[in-house]
Amino acid sequence: MRYRHFVATCLLAGLGFAPVRAGSAVPVEGLYEGAVAGEATETGRAAAAADALRQVVVRVSGRSVAAKDPALQSLYGDAAKYVQTFRSVAPGQVAVSFDPNLVEEALAKAGQPLWGRERPQVLVVLDGPAAAQAGVRRDLLVAAQLRGIPCTFPETKTEPPMDVREGKPEALQAVAKAFGADALLVLHFGGTVVSGDWHGPGGDGTAIGAITDVMQVMADRLGSALALPAGESGKVSVVVHGVSDLKAFVSALSQLANLPSVRGVSVEGVTASTLKVRVSGAMDAAGLRKVVGDLGHFEVAASGGLREVDVVYRP
C-alpha cells in the first residue's frame, strides 16, 4: 500500500514530473569528446589527447577497465591520429574531440565492444537529507556525463517507501514501470558512504562507495548488457512495414542500401507485408533513424528501441 501511495502521489498530485516514454532510448551527444587537464598547445596536446581518448573509450565501450587495458595502450599512444579538434574550456582544461569512425574502427580491430548513441534513460531517486540533494544531484550528473548515461529526476519531495529504500528488486521494477523509465537508480546518502540500488538492462544490482563508484558499477552493468560485441557493432535491424509487392520490396531495399555510410543490407525475414533487414554501416540506430526519416518514403516510428528501427514504407 505504501508503494502504491508513493506512485499515486507522484503521478496524480501534479508535482511536475514528466514520465519518460516506456522503452524509450535517449540519443546521447558528446560521446567522442573528452575533457581533461592540459593545454591546447603543441607540447601539451599529446598527453591531453591520450587522457581524453581514455575517457572516450570507456564511454563508448561501456567498460571502465578499458582505460587501463594493456591491449589498448598502443591506441592511447597514438591518440593524436584520431583527434578532430582541441579547444580550451577553462584555465588548465582542454576538450579533445575524436573522429567517431576512426575510433570505432580501431576499437573493433582491438576486439572491443561498442555502445551506440542511444542509451537507456535512468530515473534517479534520491534517498537522503533534502539539504544535501542539490550537491548530490550535481555530482551524480558529472559522473553520469563521464560515462554517457542520461539521467532524469522525479520533481517530487515525496520520500521513497521502505521497500524502494531497501532496494527490493520487485519494488524497483514497479517504480521503473510506473514511470516508464528504462532503468532506475535509488541513491542513498547522508553519511560518509554512498550506496545505490538499480534496476534496468543487465538486471538488478547494488554498489557502495563514492557517487562516482556507484555510477561506474551501474554503467559497466548497462554497457555489458547493451554494447555490441566486436564484429556486431555497426549493425542495426530495420523492420519495414507496408511492403505490399515486389516493386515495393526492391525499392525499399535499394533506398536503404544507398544511404550514406551504409555498407550492406541483408534480408532477415519477410512476413506478409513486413520486411526485416539488417543494415551494416558506420552508424547506430539513432543515426539510421534520422537518415531514413529524411528519405521521404519512410515514416519512422517513435519506438524501435536501442538496436532496431521501425518504419512504414510509403511508395
C-alpha atoms as a PDB file:
ATOM      1  CA  MET A   1       0.000   0.000   0.000  1.00  0.00           C
ATOM      2  CA  ARG A   2       2.815   2.401   0.799  1.00  0.00           C
ATOM      3  CA  TYR A   3       4.344   1.849  -2.635  1.00  0.00           C
ATOM      4  CA  ARG A   4       1.028   2.488  -4.378  1.00  0.00           C
ATOM      5  CA  HIS A   5       0.605   5.650  -2.310  1.00  0.00           C
ATOM      6  CA  PHE A   6       4.066   6.796  -3.443  1.00  0.00           C
ATOM      7  CA  VAL A   7       3.287   6.200  -7.127  1.00  0.00           C
ATOM      8  CA  ALA A   8      -0.125   7.813  -6.860  1.00  0.00           C
ATOM      9  CA  THR A   9       1.376  10.847  -5.137  1.00  0.00           C
ATOM     10  CA  CYS A  10       3.957  11.319  -7.873  1.00  0.00           C
ATOM     11  CA  LEU A  11       1.612  10.685 -10.777  1.00  0.00           C
ATOM     12  CA  LEU A  12      -1.561  12.361  -9.610  1.00  0.00           C
ATOM     13  CA  ALA A  13      -0.564  15.187  -7.283  1.00  0.00           C
ATOM     14  CA  GLY A  14       0.694  17.407 -10.101  1.00  0.00           C
ATOM     15  CA  LEU A  15       4.257  17.544  -8.843  1.00  0.00           C
ATOM     16  CA  GLY A  16       5.689  18.331 -12.254  1.00  0.00           C
ATOM     17  CA  PHE A  17       7.403  15.058 -13.185  1.00  0.00           C
ATOM     18  CA  ALA A  18       7.099  14.241 -16.880  1.00  0.00           C
ATOM     19  CA  PRO A  19       7.252  10.451 -17.281  1.00  0.00           C
ATOM     20  CA  VAL A  20       9.787   9.048 -19.717  1.00  0.00           C
ATOM     21  CA  ARG A  21       8.211   7.195 -22.645  1.00  0.00           C
ATOM     22  CA  ALA A  22       8.218   3.493 -21.860  1.00  0.00           C
ATOM     23  CA  GLY A  23      11.003   1.632 -23.645  1.00  0.00           C
ATOM     24  CA  SER A  24      12.449   4.857 -24.985  1.00  0.00           C
ATOM     25  CA  ALA A  25      16.133   5.414 -25.586  1.00  0.00           C
ATOM     26  CA  VAL A  26      17.859   8.785 -25.429  1.00  0.00           C
ATOM     27  CA  PRO A  27      20.412   9.849 -28.066  1.00  0.00           C
ATOM     28  CA  VAL A  28      23.487  10.989 -26.131  1.00  0.00           C
ATOM     29  CA  GLU A  29      25.691  13.714 -27.591  1.00  0.00           C
ATOM     30  CA  GLY A  30      29.371  14.260 -26.904  1.00  0.00           C
ATOM     31  CA  LEU A  31      30.368  10.609 -26.621  1.00  0.00           C
ATOM     32  CA  TYR A  32      33.531  11.223 -28.624  1.00  0.00           C
ATOM     33  CA  GLU A  33      34.807  14.240 -26.715  1.00  0.00           C
ATOM     34  CA  GLY A  34      36.877  14.101 -23.549  1.00  0.00           C
ATOM     35  CA  ALA A  35      37.594  16.990 -21.168  1.00  0.00           C
ATOM     36  CA  VAL A  36      40.866  16.689 -19.251  1.00  0.00           C
ATOM     37  CA  ALA A  37      43.543  18.713 -17.510  1.00  0.00           C
ATOM     38  CA  GLY A  38      46.018  20.096 -20.028  1.00  0.00           C
ATOM     39  CA  GLU A  39      46.748  22.829 -22.530  1.00  0.00           C
ATOM     40  CA  ALA A  40      45.821  23.128 -26.196  1.00  0.00           C
ATOM     41  CA  THR A  41      49.446  23.849 -27.055  1.00  0.00           C
ATOM     42  CA  GLU A  42      51.674  21.823 -29.330  1.00  0.00           C
ATOM     43  CA  THR A  43      53.658  20.410 -26.416  1.00  0.00           C
ATOM     44  CA  GLY A  44      50.641  19.619 -24.267  1.00  0.00           C
ATOM     45  CA  ARG A  45      48.462  18.025 -26.918  1.00  0.00           C
ATOM     46  CA  ALA A  46      49.875  14.503 -26.932  1.00  0.00           C
ATOM     47  CA  ALA A  47      49.291  13.878 -23.220  1.00  0.00           C
ATOM     48  CA  ALA A  48      45.870  15.571 -23.284  1.00  0.00           C
ATOM     49  CA  ALA A  49      44.812  13.528 -26.315  1.00  0.00           C
ATOM     50  CA  ALA A  50      45.775  10.246 -24.615  1.00  0.00           C
ATOM     51  CA  ASP A  51      43.884  11.088 -21.411  1.00  0.00           C
ATOM     52  CA  ALA A  52      40.829  12.298 -23.341  1.00  0.00           C
ATOM     53  CA  LEU A  53      40.805   9.197 -25.537  1.00  0.00           C
ATOM     54  CA  ARG A  54      40.750   7.018 -22.416  1.00  0.00           C
ATOM     55  CA  GLN A  55      37.585   8.843 -21.338  1.00  0.00           C
ATOM     56  CA  VAL A  56      36.030   8.320 -24.754  1.00  0.00           C
ATOM     57  CA  VAL A  57      36.912   4.637 -24.987  1.00  0.00           C
ATOM     58  CA  VAL A  58      35.440   3.920 -21.548  1.00  0.00           C
ATOM     59  CA  ARG A  59      32.266   5.727 -22.611  1.00  0.00           C
ATOM     60  CA  VAL A  60      31.785   4.046 -25.989  1.00  0.00           C
ATOM     61  CA  SER A  61      32.907   0.553 -24.971  1.00  0.00           C
ATOM     62  CA  GLY A  62      30.862   0.519 -21.754  1.00  0.00           C
ATOM     63  CA  ARG A  63      33.916  -0.800 -19.860  1.00  0.00           C
ATOM     64  CA  SER A  64      35.612   1.194 -17.087  1.00  0.00           C
ATOM     65  CA  VAL A  65      38.603  -1.174 -17.229  1.00  0.00           C
ATOM     66  CA  ALA A  66      39.236  -0.118 -20.825  1.00  0.00           C
ATOM     67  CA  ALA A  67      41.170   2.927 -19.560  1.00  0.00           C
ATOM     68  CA  LYS A  68      43.947   0.628 -18.270  1.00  0.00           C
ATOM     69  CA  ASP A  69      43.507  -2.323 -20.602  1.00  0.00           C
ATOM     70  CA  PRO A  70      47.003  -3.410 -21.774  1.00  0.00           C
ATOM     71  CA  ALA A  71      45.536  -4.301 -25.170  1.00  0.00           C
ATOM     72  CA  LEU A  72      44.608  -0.648 -25.738  1.00  0.00           C
ATOM     73  CA  GLN A  73      47.820   1.089 -24.661  1.00  0.00           C
ATOM     74  CA  SER A  74      49.081   1.364 -28.236  1.00  0.00           C
ATOM     75  CA  LEU A  75      45.784   3.024 -29.174  1.00  0.00           C
ATOM     76  CA  TYR A  76      46.258   5.636 -26.455  1.00  0.00           C
ATOM     77  CA  GLY A  77      49.868   6.115 -27.519  1.00  0.00           C
ATOM     78  CA  ASP A  78      48.658   7.084 -31.000  1.00  0.00           C
ATOM     79  CA  ALA A  79      45.730   9.176 -29.731  1.00  0.00           C
ATOM     80  CA  ALA A  80      46.743  12.230 -31.765  1.00  0.00           C
ATOM     81  CA  LYS A  81      45.948  10.475 -35.059  1.00  0.00           C
ATOM     82  CA  TYR A  82      42.259  10.226 -34.073  1.00  0.00           C
ATOM     83  CA  VAL A  83      41.840  13.844 -32.952  1.00  0.00           C
ATOM     84  CA  GLN A  84      39.468  16.202 -34.747  1.00  0.00           C
ATOM     85  CA  THR A  85      39.711  19.317 -32.565  1.00  0.00           C
ATOM     86  CA  PHE A  86      41.366  20.741 -29.445  1.00  0.00           C
ATOM     87  CA  ARG A  87      39.807  23.607 -27.544  1.00  0.00           C
ATOM     88  CA  SER A  88      40.391  25.270 -24.206  1.00  0.00           C
ATOM     89  CA  VAL A  89      37.300  25.134 -21.982  1.00  0.00           C
ATOM     90  CA  ALA A  90      38.717  26.626 -18.759  1.00  0.00           C
ATOM     91  CA  PRO A  91      42.134  27.547 -17.393  1.00  0.00           C
ATOM     92  CA  GLY A  92      44.158  24.353 -17.382  1.00  0.00           C
ATOM     93  CA  GLN A  93      41.355  22.364 -19.056  1.00  0.00           C
ATOM     94  CA  VAL A  94      41.105  21.207 -22.658  1.00  0.00           C
ATOM     95  CA  ALA A  95      38.348  19.425 -24.563  1.00  0.00           C
ATOM     96  CA  VAL A  96      39.510  16.987 -27.231  1.00  0.00           C
ATOM     97  CA  SER A  97      37.091  15.605 -29.812  1.00  0.00           C
ATOM     98  CA  PHE A  98      37.836  12.490 -31.843  1.00  0.00           C
ATOM     99  CA  ASP A  99      36.722  11.106 -35.194  1.00  0.00           C
ATOM    100  CA  PRO A 100      33.958   8.580 -34.327  1.00  0.00           C
ATOM    101  CA  ASN A 101      34.536   6.398 -37.374  1.00  0.00           C
ATOM    102  CA  LEU A 102      38.296   6.115 -36.797  1.00  0.00           C
ATOM    103  CA  VAL A 103      37.853   5.380 -33.097  1.00  0.00           C
ATOM    104  CA  GLU A 104      35.187   2.738 -33.740  1.00  0.00           C
ATOM    105  CA  GLU A 105      37.322   1.103 -36.412  1.00  0.00           C
ATOM    106  CA  ALA A 106      40.309   0.955 -34.056  1.00  0.00           C
ATOM    107  CA  LEU A 107      38.213  -0.470 -31.219  1.00  0.00           C
ATOM    108  CA  ALA A 108      36.685  -3.089 -33.499  1.00  0.00           C
ATOM    109  CA  LYS A 109      40.166  -4.177 -34.580  1.00  0.00           C
ATOM    110  CA  ALA A 110      41.139  -4.427 -30.914  1.00  0.00           C
ATOM    111  CA  GLY A 111      38.130  -6.670 -30.252  1.00  0.00           C
ATOM    112  CA  GLN A 112      36.326  -4.125 -28.070  1.00  0.00           C
ATOM    113  CA  PRO A 113      32.518  -3.856 -27.802  1.00  0.00           C
ATOM    114  CA  LEU A 114      30.788  -0.692 -28.978  1.00  0.00           C
ATOM    115  CA  TRP A 115      27.875   1.051 -27.295  1.00  0.00           C
ATOM    116  CA  GLY A 116      25.949   3.391 -29.596  1.00  0.00           C
ATOM    117  CA  ARG A 117      24.470   6.849 -29.007  1.00  0.00           C
ATOM    118  CA  GLU A 118      21.030   5.578 -27.981  1.00  0.00           C
ATOM    119  CA  ARG A 119      21.136   4.764 -24.288  1.00  0.00           C
ATOM    120  CA  PRO A 120      18.597   3.980 -21.580  1.00  0.00           C
ATOM    121  CA  GLN A 121      17.173   6.899 -19.637  1.00  0.00           C
ATOM    122  CA  VAL A 122      17.883   6.359 -15.930  1.00  0.00           C
ATOM    123  CA  LEU A 123      15.363   7.675 -13.402  1.00  0.00           C
ATOM    124  CA  VAL A 124      17.268   8.644 -10.240  1.00  0.00           C
ATOM    125  CA  VAL A 125      15.504   8.643  -6.882  1.00  0.00           C
ATOM    126  CA  LEU A 126      17.469  10.425  -4.135  1.00  0.00           C
ATOM    127  CA  ASP A 127      17.232   8.976  -0.639  1.00  0.00           C
ATOM    128  CA  GLY A 128      18.887  11.345   1.809  1.00  0.00           C
ATOM    129  CA  PRO A 129      18.743  14.742   3.557  1.00  0.00           C
ATOM    130  CA  ALA A 130      16.967  17.398   1.491  1.00  0.00           C
ATOM    131  CA  ALA A 131      19.697  19.945   2.251  1.00  0.00           C
ATOM    132  CA  ALA A 132      22.302  17.777   0.538  1.00  0.00           C
ATOM    133  CA  GLN A 133      20.291  16.822  -2.533  1.00  0.00           C
ATOM    134  CA  ALA A 134      21.392  19.700  -4.769  1.00  0.00           C
ATOM    135  CA  GLY A 135      25.056  18.828  -4.324  1.00  0.00           C
ATOM    136  CA  VAL A 136      24.429  15.103  -4.751  1.00  0.00           C
ATOM    137  CA  ARG A 137      22.447  15.728  -7.925  1.00  0.00           C
ATOM    138  CA  ARG A 138      25.261  17.874  -9.350  1.00  0.00           C
ATOM    139  CA  ASP A 139      27.958  15.306  -8.564  1.00  0.00           C
ATOM    140  CA  LEU A 140      25.838  12.491  -9.980  1.00  0.00           C
ATOM    141  CA  LEU A 141      25.275  14.311 -13.277  1.00  0.00           C
ATOM    142  CA  VAL A 142      29.027  14.911 -13.624  1.00  0.00           C
ATOM    143  CA  ALA A 143      29.710  11.200 -13.050  1.00  0.00           C
ATOM    144  CA  ALA A 144      26.922  10.237 -15.471  1.00  0.00           C
ATOM    145  CA  GLN A 145      28.265  12.546 -18.175  1.00  0.00           C
ATOM    146  CA  LEU A 146      31.682  10.911 -17.959  1.00  0.00           C
ATOM    147  CA  ARG A 147      30.054   7.554 -18.754  1.00  0.00           C
ATOM    148  CA  GLY A 148      27.479   8.815 -21.260  1.00  0.00           C
ATOM    149  CA  ILE A 149      24.493   7.875 -19.074  1.00  0.00           C
ATOM    150  CA  PRO A 150      21.387  10.112 -19.457  1.00  0.00           C
ATOM    151  CA  CYS A 151      19.671  10.722 -16.099  1.00  0.00           C
ATOM    152  CA  THR A 152      16.423  12.341 -15.035  1.00  0.00           C
ATOM    153  CA  PHE A 153      14.967  13.073 -11.597  1.00  0.00           C
ATOM    154  CA  PRO A 154      11.332  12.987 -10.430  1.00  0.00           C
ATOM    155  CA  GLU A 155      10.401  16.501  -9.366  1.00  0.00           C
ATOM    156  CA  THR A 156       8.853  15.470  -6.070  1.00  0.00           C
ATOM    157  CA  LYS A 157       9.800  15.776  -2.415  1.00  0.00           C
ATOM    158  CA  THR A 158       7.938  12.586  -1.545  1.00  0.00           C
ATOM    159  CA  GLU A 159      10.163  10.209   0.413  1.00  0.00           C
ATOM    160  CA  PRO A 160      10.558   6.807  -1.256  1.00  0.00           C
ATOM    161  CA  PRO A 161       8.751   3.960   0.554  1.00  0.00           C
ATOM    162  CA  MET A 162      10.721   1.490   2.629  1.00  0.00           C
ATOM    163  CA  ASP A 163      10.755  -1.339   0.085  1.00  0.00           C
ATOM    164  CA  VAL A 164      12.257   1.008  -2.510  1.00  0.00           C
ATOM    165  CA  ARG A 165      14.770   2.371   0.005  1.00  0.00           C
ATOM    166  CA  GLU A 166      15.766  -1.188   0.857  1.00  0.00           C
ATOM    167  CA  GLY A 167      16.435  -1.909  -2.804  1.00  0.00           C
ATOM    168  CA  LYS A 168      13.980  -4.778  -3.132  1.00  0.00           C
ATOM    169  CA  PRO A 169      14.055  -5.825  -6.822  1.00  0.00           C
ATOM    170  CA  GLU A 170      10.279  -6.097  -7.213  1.00  0.00           C
ATOM    171  CA  ALA A 171       9.834  -2.586  -5.773  1.00  0.00           C
ATOM    172  CA  LEU A 172      12.490  -1.113  -8.080  1.00  0.00           C
ATOM    173  CA  GLN A 173      10.909  -2.835 -11.071  1.00  0.00           C
ATOM    174  CA  ALA A 174       7.476  -1.490 -10.139  1.00  0.00           C
ATOM    175  CA  VAL A 175       8.700   2.115  -9.834  1.00  0.00           C
ATOM    176  CA  ALA A 176      10.583   1.935 -13.140  1.00  0.00           C
ATOM    177  CA  LYS A 177       7.489   0.535 -14.858  1.00  0.00           C
ATOM    178  CA  ALA A 178       5.182   3.126 -13.283  1.00  0.00           C
ATOM    179  CA  PHE A 179       7.288   5.995 -14.603  1.00  0.00           C
ATOM    180  CA  GLY A 180       8.054   4.369 -17.953  1.00  0.00           C
ATOM    181  CA  ALA A 181      11.803   4.549 -17.307  1.00  0.00           C
ATOM    182  CA  ASP A 182      14.351   2.266 -18.949  1.00  0.00           C
ATOM    183  CA  ALA A 183      16.280   1.988 -15.692  1.00  0.00           C
ATOM    184  CA  LEU A 184      16.011   3.126 -12.077  1.00  0.00           C
ATOM    185  CA  LEU A 185      18.743   4.129  -9.621  1.00  0.00           C
ATOM    186  CA  VAL A 186      17.953   4.724  -5.942  1.00  0.00           C
ATOM    187  CA  LEU A 187      20.884   6.654  -4.471  1.00  0.00           C
ATOM    188  CA  HIS A 188      21.260   6.530  -0.678  1.00  0.00           C
ATOM    189  CA  PHE A 189      23.393   9.195   1.019  1.00  0.00           C
ATOM    190  CA  GLY A 190      23.712  11.133   4.235  1.00  0.00           C
ATOM    191  CA  GLY A 191      26.735   9.524   5.882  1.00  0.00           C
ATOM    192  CA  THR A 192      30.315   9.042   4.772  1.00  0.00           C
ATOM    193  CA  VAL A 193      29.406   6.306   2.289  1.00  0.00           C
ATOM    194  CA  VAL A 194      27.024   6.457  -0.655  1.00  0.00           C
ATOM    195  CA  SER A 195      25.222   3.385  -1.959  1.00  0.00           C
ATOM    196  CA  GLY A 196      22.982   2.748  -4.914  1.00  0.00           C
ATOM    197  CA  ASP A 197      20.421   0.138  -5.902  1.00  0.00           C
ATOM    198  CA  TRP A 198      19.373  -0.121  -9.520  1.00  0.00           C
ATOM    199  CA  HIS A 199      17.114  -1.990 -11.889  1.00  0.00           C
ATOM    200  CA  GLY A 200      17.350  -1.994 -15.674  1.00  0.00           C
ATOM    201  CA  PRO A 201      19.058  -3.650 -18.641  1.00  0.00           C
ATOM    202  CA  GLY A 202      21.592  -6.054 -17.210  1.00  0.00           C
ATOM    203  CA  GLY A 203      19.416  -6.829 -14.187  1.00  0.00           C
ATOM    204  CA  ASP A 204      19.418  -5.540 -10.629  1.00  0.00           C
ATOM    205  CA  GLY A 205      22.443  -4.548  -8.590  1.00  0.00           C
ATOM    206  CA  THR A 206      23.937  -2.669  -5.669  1.00  0.00           C
ATOM    207  CA  ALA A 207      27.139  -0.654  -5.282  1.00  0.00           C
ATOM    208  CA  ILE A 208      28.772   1.089  -2.330  1.00  0.00           C
ATOM    209  CA  GLY A 209      31.373   3.855  -2.312  1.00  0.00           C
ATOM    210  CA  ALA A 210      31.509   7.380  -3.661  1.00  0.00           C
ATOM    211  CA  ILE A 211      28.924   8.674  -6.161  1.00  0.00           C
ATOM    212  CA  THR A 212      31.458   8.082  -8.931  1.00  0.00           C
ATOM    213  CA  ASP A 213      31.911   4.468  -7.801  1.00  0.00           C
ATOM    214  CA  VAL A 214      28.174   3.798  -7.900  1.00  0.00           C
ATOM    215  CA  MET A 215      27.868   5.292 -11.384  1.00  0.00           C
ATOM    216  CA  GLN A 216      30.883   3.328 -12.665  1.00  0.00           C
ATOM    217  CA  VAL A 217      29.469  -0.001 -11.499  1.00  0.00           C
ATOM    218  CA  MET A 218      25.990   0.708 -12.873  1.00  0.00           C
ATOM    219  CA  ALA A 219      27.366   1.984 -16.205  1.00  0.00           C
ATOM    220  CA  ASP A 220      29.529  -1.118 -16.545  1.00  0.00           C
ATOM    221  CA  ARG A 221      26.464  -3.296 -15.958  1.00  0.00           C
ATOM    222  CA  LEU A 222      24.464  -1.381 -18.573  1.00  0.00           C
ATOM    223  CA  GLY A 223      27.363  -1.497 -21.013  1.00  0.00           C
ATOM    224  CA  SER A 224      27.778  -5.247 -20.618  1.00  0.00           C
ATOM    225  CA  ALA A 225      24.103  -5.691 -21.489  1.00  0.00           C
ATOM    226  CA  LEU A 226      23.816  -3.188 -24.329  1.00  0.00           C
ATOM    227  CA  ALA A 227      27.204  -2.739 -26.014  1.00  0.00           C
ATOM    228  CA  LEU A 228      27.552  -4.829 -29.144  1.00  0.00           C
ATOM    229  CA  PRO A 229      30.436  -7.313 -29.296  1.00  0.00           C
ATOM    230  CA  ALA A 230      33.231  -6.773 -31.810  1.00  0.00           C
ATOM    231  CA  GLY A 231      32.014  -7.815 -35.243  1.00  0.00           C
ATOM    232  CA  GLU A 232      28.386  -6.989 -34.477  1.00  0.00           C
ATOM    233  CA  SER A 233      28.767  -3.226 -33.985  1.00  0.00           C
ATOM    234  CA  GLY A 234      27.517  -1.062 -36.781  1.00  0.00           C
ATOM    235  CA  LYS A 235      24.647  -3.479 -37.474  1.00  0.00           C
ATOM    236  CA  VAL A 236      21.078  -2.312 -36.927  1.00  0.00           C
ATOM    237  CA  SER A 237      17.844  -4.208 -37.525  1.00  0.00           C
ATOM    238  CA  VAL A 238      15.234  -2.375 -39.614  1.00  0.00           C
ATOM    239  CA  VAL A 239      11.611  -3.524 -39.683  1.00  0.00           C
ATOM    240  CA  VAL A 240       9.816  -2.155 -42.760  1.00  0.00           C
ATOM    241  CA  HIS A 241       6.008  -2.339 -42.830  1.00  0.00           C
ATOM    242  CA  GLY A 242       3.858  -1.671 -45.894  1.00  0.00           C
ATOM    243  CA  VAL A 243       5.946  -3.694 -48.371  1.00  0.00           C
ATOM    244  CA  SER A 244       2.945  -4.928 -50.335  1.00  0.00           C
ATOM    245  CA  ASP A 245       4.528  -6.196 -53.561  1.00  0.00           C
ATOM    246  CA  LEU A 246       7.809  -6.992 -55.326  1.00  0.00           C
ATOM    247  CA  LYS A 247       8.234  -3.423 -56.574  1.00  0.00           C
ATOM    248  CA  ALA A 248       7.981  -2.046 -53.037  1.00  0.00           C
ATOM    249  CA  PHE A 249      10.353  -4.763 -51.802  1.00  0.00           C
ATOM    250  CA  VAL A 250      13.028  -3.834 -54.353  1.00  0.00           C
ATOM    251  CA  SER A 251      12.532  -0.101 -53.844  1.00  0.00           C
ATOM    252  CA  ALA A 252      12.798  -0.281 -50.049  1.00  0.00           C
ATOM    253  CA  LEU A 253      15.952  -2.397 -50.172  1.00  0.00           C
ATOM    254  CA  SER A 254      17.540  -0.140 -52.788  1.00  0.00           C
ATOM    255  CA  GLN A 255      16.880   3.045 -50.813  1.00  0.00           C
ATOM    256  CA  LEU A 256      18.319   1.564 -47.640  1.00  0.00           C
ATOM    257  CA  ALA A 257      21.386   0.235 -49.458  1.00  0.00           C
ATOM    258  CA  ASN A 258      22.096   3.664 -50.987  1.00  0.00           C
ATOM    259  CA  LEU A 259      22.070   5.539 -47.691  1.00  0.00           C
ATOM    260  CA  PRO A 260      25.296   7.347 -46.752  1.00  0.00           C
ATOM    261  CA  SER A 261      27.599   5.252 -44.528  1.00  0.00           C
ATOM    262  CA  VAL A 262      25.670   2.031 -45.239  1.00  0.00           C
ATOM    263  CA  ARG A 263      27.994  -0.790 -46.291  1.00  0.00           C
ATOM    264  CA  GLY A 264      25.427  -3.524 -46.789  1.00  0.00           C
ATOM    265  CA  VAL A 265      21.834  -4.669 -46.355  1.00  0.00           C
ATOM    266  CA  SER A 266      20.830  -8.291 -45.722  1.00  0.00           C
ATOM    267  CA  VAL A 267      17.300  -9.691 -45.541  1.00  0.00           C
ATOM    268  CA  GLU A 268      16.482 -11.447 -42.276  1.00  0.00           C
ATOM    269  CA  GLY A 269      12.837 -12.250 -42.894  1.00  0.00           C
ATOM    270  CA  VAL A 270       9.659 -11.479 -44.832  1.00  0.00           C
ATOM    271  CA  THR A 271       6.174 -11.901 -43.347  1.00  0.00           C
ATOM    272  CA  ALA A 272       3.050 -10.750 -45.205  1.00  0.00           C
ATOM    273  CA  SER A 273       3.744  -7.059 -45.904  1.00  0.00           C
ATOM    274  CA  THR A 274       6.596  -6.723 -43.399  1.00  0.00           C
ATOM    275  CA  LEU A 275      10.266  -6.907 -44.271  1.00  0.00           C
ATOM    276  CA  LYS A 276      13.056  -7.258 -41.695  1.00  0.00           C
ATOM    277  CA  VAL A 277      16.612  -6.427 -42.750  1.00  0.00           C
ATOM    278  CA  ARG A 278      20.000  -5.954 -41.089  1.00  0.00           C
ATOM    279  CA  VAL A 279      21.812  -2.771 -42.115  1.00  0.00           C
ATOM    280  CA  SER A 280      25.596  -2.624 -41.692  1.00  0.00           C
ATOM    281  CA  GLY A 281      27.477   0.656 -41.612  1.00  0.00           C
ATOM    282  CA  ALA A 282      29.150   3.384 -39.582  1.00  0.00           C
ATOM    283  CA  MET A 283      26.029   4.443 -37.671  1.00  0.00           C
ATOM    284  CA  ASP A 284      23.873   3.366 -34.765  1.00  0.00           C
ATOM    285  CA  ALA A 285      20.079   3.142 -34.555  1.00  0.00           C
ATOM    286  CA  ALA A 286      19.737   6.860 -33.785  1.00  0.00           C
ATOM    287  CA  GLY A 287      21.753   7.891 -36.825  1.00  0.00           C
ATOM    288  CA  LEU A 288      19.986   5.419 -39.103  1.00  0.00           C
ATOM    289  CA  ARG A 289      16.578   6.538 -37.831  1.00  0.00           C
ATOM    290  CA  LYS A 290      17.405  10.131 -38.764  1.00  0.00           C
ATOM    291  CA  VAL A 291      18.687   9.496 -42.304  1.00  0.00           C
ATOM    292  CA  VAL A 292      15.855   7.073 -43.098  1.00  0.00           C
ATOM    293  CA  GLY A 293      13.339   9.692 -41.988  1.00  0.00           C
ATOM    294  CA  ASP A 294      14.901  12.202 -44.390  1.00  0.00           C
ATOM    295  CA  LEU A 295      14.337   9.966 -47.419  1.00  0.00           C
ATOM    296  CA  GLY A 296      10.669  10.848 -47.811  1.00  0.00           C
ATOM    297  CA  HIS A 297       9.465   7.298 -48.485  1.00  0.00           C
ATOM    298  CA  PHE A 298       9.682   6.034 -44.913  1.00  0.00           C
ATOM    299  CA  GLU A 299       7.634   7.032 -41.886  1.00  0.00           C
ATOM    300  CA  VAL A 300       9.780   6.378 -38.829  1.00  0.00           C
ATOM    301  CA  ALA A 301       8.031   5.125 -35.689  1.00  0.00           C
ATOM    302  CA  ALA A 302       8.904   6.816 -32.405  1.00  0.00           C
ATOM    303  CA  SER A 303       9.611   3.431 -30.839  1.00  0.00           C
ATOM    304  CA  GLY A 304      12.107   0.860 -32.004  1.00  0.00           C
ATOM    305  CA  GLY A 305      14.364   0.553 -29.001  1.00  0.00           C
ATOM    306  CA  LEU A 306      18.111   0.616 -28.693  1.00  0.00           C
ATOM    307  CA  ARG A 307      19.021  -1.644 -31.617  1.00  0.00           C
ATOM    308  CA  GLU A 308      16.089  -1.516 -34.000  1.00  0.00           C
ATOM    309  CA  VAL A 309      14.495   0.983 -36.371  1.00  0.00           C
ATOM    310  CA  ASP A 310      10.774   0.564 -37.099  1.00  0.00           C
ATOM    311  CA  VAL A 311       9.413   2.211 -40.270  1.00  0.00           C
ATOM    312  CA  VAL A 312       6.446   2.207 -42.634  1.00  0.00           C
ATOM    313  CA  TYR A 313       7.207   2.302 -46.351  1.00  0.00           C
ATOM    314  CA  ARG A 314       5.278   4.960 -48.293  1.00  0.00           C
ATOM    315  CA  PRO A 315       5.598   4.476 -52.101  1.00  0.00           C
END
